[in-house]
Amino acid sequence: MGAFVAVVKQLCAGRRGIGWIAKICDLYVFVIRGTPVLVQLLLINAVLFNYRGANAIVAAVLCFGINSGAYVAEIVRAGIESIDKGQTEAGRSLGLGAGQTMWLIVLPQAIKNILPALGNEFIVLVKETSIAGYIAVTDITKAAQYVGSKTYDLITPLLIAAAFYLILVFILTKLQKLLERRLGKSDRR
């Protein structure tokens, strides 16, 4: 979602008749990045799902998707803007349209620049899921609190939950570095 917003914003910015689309993208990013994810989670659950009897897991997935999308949009936007304008001009001079130039020339180069930040955003997203318990979703943190309340040992279950998150982040970090190395091989040729 975030990549789509960033690409649409870049393609529409400053163009007559459709510049308003870029402004909507800016508003989305501003509002979502400017409000706490917990407030967003509670609002989405209350407004969209409480009255319809929908599953709290759907509310959590929707909230985290919308929230992460705004951050990913900014990451992708920065990656696109990091590519020299000459690349876009070269694509256009070859007869490619704006969308083709973005898809075939700019984005493949931008991916290498944005990969570390995207990996970090994914790790943050995994850790943010620990607040899903606020809307009755049993996640690792909520399960640890439940076990702690039943055993009267609050520390051990939370330490186990922390260790689980740490292991998960460690694995994700290793996968991110592996992907970065693989993409970096083309730079060394």
Foldseek 3Di string as FASTA:
>chain_A
DLLVLLLLLVVQPPDPPRNVSVVVSVVLLCVLVVDDLLVLLVCQCVPPPPVVVDDSVVSLVVSLCSNLSSVSNVLLNVLLVVDDVVQLVVCVVVVDDNVCSCVPTRVVNSCLVSLVVVLVSVLVSVVVCLSSVVSPDDDQNNVLCVVCVVVVNNPVSVVVSVVVSVVVNVVSVVVSVVVSVVSCVVVVD
